Protein backbone atom coordinates (compact mmCIF):
# COMPACT_ATOMS: atom_id res chain seq x y z
CA UNK A 1 -15.11 16.83 0.05
CA UNK A 2 -16.25 16.60 -3.52
CA UNK A 3 -15.51 13.03 -5.37
CA UNK A 4 -12.76 13.84 -7.71
CA UNK A 5 -10.84 15.13 -5.01
CA UNK A 6 -11.46 11.93 -2.70
CA UNK A 7 -10.87 9.54 -5.81
CA UNK A 8 -7.31 11.30 -6.73
CA UNK A 9 -6.41 9.83 -2.96
CA UNK A 10 -7.64 6.30 -3.44
CA UNK A 11 -5.79 3.35 -4.41
CA UNK A 12 -8.82 1.20 -5.87
CA UNK A 13 -7.91 -2.46 -4.37
CA UNK A 14 -8.72 -5.90 -4.98
CA UNK A 15 -6.56 -8.32 -2.93
CA UNK A 16 -9.04 -11.14 -2.18
CA UNK A 17 -7.50 -14.45 -2.90
CA UNK A 18 -10.20 -15.57 -5.14
CA UNK A 19 -10.04 -12.69 -7.44
CA UNK A 20 -10.49 -13.75 -11.11
CA UNK A 21 -8.99 -11.83 -14.02
CA UNK A 22 -12.39 -10.47 -14.86
CA UNK A 23 -12.88 -9.16 -11.38
CA UNK A 24 -9.60 -7.57 -11.59
CA UNK A 25 -10.39 -5.98 -15.03
CA UNK A 26 -13.52 -4.23 -13.30
CA UNK A 27 -11.60 -2.84 -10.87
CA UNK A 28 -9.01 -1.43 -13.18
CA UNK A 29 -11.63 0.01 -15.49
CA UNK A 30 -13.54 1.38 -12.41
CA UNK A 31 -10.15 3.04 -11.35
CA UNK A 32 -9.56 4.54 -14.98
CA UNK A 33 -13.06 5.77 -15.28
CA UNK A 34 -13.48 7.53 -11.70
CA UNK A 35 -9.99 8.95 -11.90
CA UNK A 36 -8.52 6.98 -8.94
CA UNK A 37 -4.86 7.11 -8.04
CA UNK A 38 -4.33 3.67 -8.99
CA UNK A 39 -5.77 -0.03 -8.86
CA UNK A 40 -4.09 -2.31 -6.37
CA UNK A 41 -4.09 -5.81 -7.60
CA UNK A 42 -2.41 -9.17 -7.23
CA UNK A 43 0.88 -9.63 -9.15
CA UNK A 44 -0.44 -12.67 -11.22
CA UNK A 45 -2.51 -9.64 -13.07
CA UNK A 46 -0.05 -6.65 -13.50
CA UNK A 47 0.90 -7.65 -17.03
CA UNK A 48 -2.78 -8.06 -17.93
CA UNK A 49 -3.87 -4.77 -16.54
CA UNK A 50 -0.94 -2.70 -18.04
CA UNK A 51 -1.06 -4.22 -21.45
CA UNK A 52 -4.97 -3.46 -21.53
CA UNK A 53 -4.95 0.03 -19.93
CA UNK A 54 -1.40 1.56 -20.60
CA UNK A 55 -0.71 5.09 -19.26
CA UNK A 56 -4.17 5.35 -18.35
CA UNK A 57 -3.81 3.34 -15.23
CA UNK A 58 -1.48 3.61 -12.34
CA UNK A 59 -0.87 -0.32 -11.52
CA UNK A 60 0.09 -0.99 -7.93
CA UNK A 61 0.69 -4.54 -6.57
CA UNK A 62 2.05 -6.28 -3.59
CA UNK A 63 5.27 -8.12 -2.47
CA UNK A 64 5.48 -10.49 0.56
CA UNK A 65 1.89 -10.16 0.98
CA UNK A 66 0.14 -10.70 3.26
CA UNK A 67 2.50 -12.11 6.00
CA UNK A 68 5.86 -10.61 4.90
CA UNK A 69 8.04 -13.38 6.43
CA UNK A 70 9.28 -14.49 3.03
CA UNK A 71 12.81 -13.85 2.61
CA UNK A 72 14.38 -10.58 1.39
CA UNK A 73 15.62 -12.35 -1.70
CA UNK A 74 12.35 -13.74 -2.68
CA UNK A 75 10.84 -10.29 -2.13
CA UNK A 76 13.41 -8.64 -4.30
CA UNK A 77 12.51 -11.15 -6.97
CA UNK A 78 8.97 -10.43 -6.69
CA UNK A 79 9.56 -6.74 -6.95
CA UNK A 80 11.84 -7.38 -10.09
CA UNK A 81 9.19 -9.40 -11.50
CA UNK A 82 6.44 -6.90 -10.63
CA UNK A 83 8.56 -3.96 -12.20
CA UNK A 84 9.00 -5.83 -15.37
CA UNK A 85 5.60 -6.89 -15.62
CA UNK A 86 4.64 -3.01 -15.77
CA UNK A 87 3.80 -2.04 -12.23
CA UNK A 88 4.14 1.57 -11.49
CA UNK A 89 3.97 1.04 -7.56
CA UNK A 90 5.12 -1.60 -4.92
CA UNK A 91 3.27 -2.08 -1.87
CA UNK A 92 5.61 -4.49 0.38
CA UNK A 93 4.92 -6.22 3.74
CA UNK A 94 7.70 -6.04 6.18
CA UNK A 95 8.89 -9.22 8.32
CA UNK A 96 7.40 -8.42 11.48
CA UNK A 97 9.27 -10.85 13.16
CA UNK A 98 12.29 -8.56 12.80
CA UNK A 99 10.28 -5.74 14.16
CA UNK A 100 9.08 -8.01 16.96
CA UNK A 101 12.53 -8.76 17.84
CA UNK A 102 13.89 -5.32 17.74
CA UNK A 103 16.11 -6.25 14.84
CA UNK A 104 15.32 -2.70 12.92
CA UNK A 105 18.38 -2.84 11.13
CA UNK A 106 17.52 -5.92 9.37
CA UNK A 107 14.26 -4.33 8.51
CA UNK A 108 15.74 -0.89 7.24
CA UNK A 109 18.21 -3.42 4.95
CA UNK A 110 15.34 -5.24 3.52
CA UNK A 111 13.31 -2.04 2.88
CA UNK A 112 16.49 -0.91 0.79
CA UNK A 113 17.01 -3.92 -1.01
CA UNK A 114 13.41 -3.74 -2.35
CA UNK A 115 13.64 -0.29 -2.98
CA UNK A 116 16.74 -0.35 -5.26
CA UNK A 117 14.69 -3.27 -7.13
CA UNK A 118 11.92 -1.14 -7.69
CA UNK A 119 14.06 0.62 -10.04
CA UNK A 120 12.71 4.30 -9.39
CA UNK A 121 8.87 2.90 -8.76
CA UNK A 122 7.05 4.03 -5.90
CA UNK A 123 7.49 2.16 -2.89
CA UNK A 124 5.21 1.82 0.19
CA UNK A 125 5.91 -0.19 3.34
CA UNK A 126 2.99 -1.82 5.26
CA UNK A 127 4.03 -2.22 9.19
CA UNK A 128 0.81 -4.04 10.02
CA UNK A 129 0.53 -1.70 12.86
CA UNK A 130 -2.21 -3.88 14.60
CA UNK A 131 0.65 -6.06 15.53
CA UNK A 132 2.82 -3.25 16.94
CA UNK A 133 3.70 -1.66 20.01
CA UNK A 134 4.12 2.29 20.17
CA UNK A 135 7.68 2.16 20.32
CA UNK A 136 7.81 -0.35 17.55
CA UNK A 137 5.85 1.89 15.41
CA UNK A 138 8.19 4.86 16.24
CA UNK A 139 11.12 2.70 15.24
CA UNK A 140 9.55 1.53 11.99
CA UNK A 141 8.89 5.35 10.81
CA UNK A 142 12.82 5.61 11.35
CA UNK A 143 13.30 2.44 9.08
CA UNK A 144 11.20 3.65 6.37
CA UNK A 145 12.76 7.00 6.30
CA UNK A 146 16.32 5.61 6.55
CA UNK A 147 15.88 2.98 3.70
CA UNK A 148 14.30 5.38 1.31
CA UNK A 149 11.06 4.30 0.74
CA UNK A 150 8.10 6.75 -0.58
CA UNK A 151 5.14 5.70 1.92
CA UNK A 152 4.73 3.95 4.98
CA UNK A 153 1.21 2.15 5.00
CA UNK A 154 -0.61 1.17 8.13
CA UNK A 155 -1.95 -2.32 7.35
CA UNK A 156 -2.47 -5.14 4.81
CA UNK A 157 -6.35 -5.43 5.60
CA UNK A 158 -5.82 -9.02 6.41
CA UNK A 159 -5.04 -8.60 9.93
CA UNK A 160 -7.17 -8.39 12.91
CA UNK A 161 -7.44 -4.53 12.71
CA UNK A 162 -6.58 -1.77 10.01
CA UNK A 163 -6.09 1.85 10.09
CA UNK A 164 -6.73 4.09 12.85
CA UNK A 165 -6.29 7.91 13.12
CA UNK A 166 -4.23 7.79 15.96
CA UNK A 167 -1.44 5.66 14.03
CA UNK A 168 -1.72 7.98 11.17
CA UNK A 169 -1.05 10.99 14.01
CA UNK A 170 1.97 9.02 15.45
CA UNK A 171 3.49 8.66 11.62
CA UNK A 172 2.96 12.27 11.22
CA UNK A 173 5.09 13.14 14.28
CA UNK A 174 7.61 10.55 13.67
CA UNK A 175 8.39 10.12 9.76
CA UNK A 176 11.10 11.99 8.00
CA UNK A 177 10.08 14.70 5.86
CA UNK A 178 9.02 13.62 2.27
CA UNK A 179 7.75 10.35 3.72
CA UNK A 180 3.95 9.97 2.81
CA UNK A 181 1.34 7.90 4.80
CA UNK A 182 -1.31 5.49 3.18
CA UNK A 183 -4.33 4.35 5.30
CA UNK A 184 -5.39 0.85 4.44
CA UNK A 185 -7.39 -1.85 5.99
CA UNK A 186 -11.02 -1.65 6.96
CA UNK A 187 -11.79 1.73 5.58
CA UNK A 188 -15.26 1.37 4.34
CA UNK A 189 -17.41 4.18 4.68
CA UNK A 190 -17.32 7.91 3.17
CA UNK A 191 -16.71 9.44 6.36
CA UNK A 192 -13.58 7.08 7.34
CA UNK A 193 -12.07 7.85 3.56
CA UNK A 194 -12.61 11.58 3.79
CA UNK A 195 -11.28 11.85 7.41
CA UNK A 196 -7.94 10.11 6.58
CA UNK A 197 -7.33 12.43 3.62
CA UNK A 198 -8.43 15.26 5.95
CA UNK A 199 -5.73 13.94 8.42
CA UNK A 200 -3.23 14.08 5.76
CA UNK A 201 -2.82 10.80 4.28
CA UNK A 202 -1.26 11.02 0.38
CA UNK A 203 -3.18 7.59 -0.27
CA UNK A 204 -6.30 5.89 0.99
CA UNK A 205 -6.51 1.95 0.32
CA UNK A 206 -10.27 0.91 -0.11
CA UNK A 207 -12.10 -1.65 -1.77
CA UNK A 208 -15.20 0.02 -1.34
CA UNK A 209 -14.82 3.62 -2.35
CA UNK A 210 -17.36 3.11 -4.89
CA UNK A 211 -20.11 1.72 -2.79
CA UNK A 212 -19.25 4.42 -0.38
CA UNK A 213 -19.81 7.15 -2.68
CA UNK A 214 -22.43 5.79 -5.39
CA UNK A 215 -24.03 2.81 -3.77
CA UNK A 216 -22.72 0.33 -6.45
């Protein structure tokens, strides 16, 4: 798989808690220079990135990140602020407590509320698979589809485990037509990145793509 093809699937990611404006600018510049699909950055830096790079860069940011247990109202406000600042894509974390309690109707309504706040921007729903049973993963596939989100995303990268090929296969079986998959969390090698793309993931979230391909 050639580098251009691979990078066209990569959300170049920097979500470390100690990321500085300089760090974020570097990641944004790398995303632009290497033809990556987006730069996924903290909300604090969305406006800075969009003001500097404009339409050359698709800016992705996160909502309810990384734990997901802020209220729906707060997640909606975060989304509105991010869109106003210029975000092109939103990656939101579900309320895992609702999923574990079996309250999937509430999960669906929250995703729907955030999708409405996106004002037509792409919404990726992070379900943090490492905490879920197979039955919960299947139910969440239905939630994401019913709520009108664009993607299901495996992980934040902050949990005890990240993406697995098995979870991607499960998503492929149970997602509604048109809902795409983003693999993220612990994806650090060329083989892993290409493997998830070959499985059918439309996006791969990775902070190490350049290092994997160029040793930088």
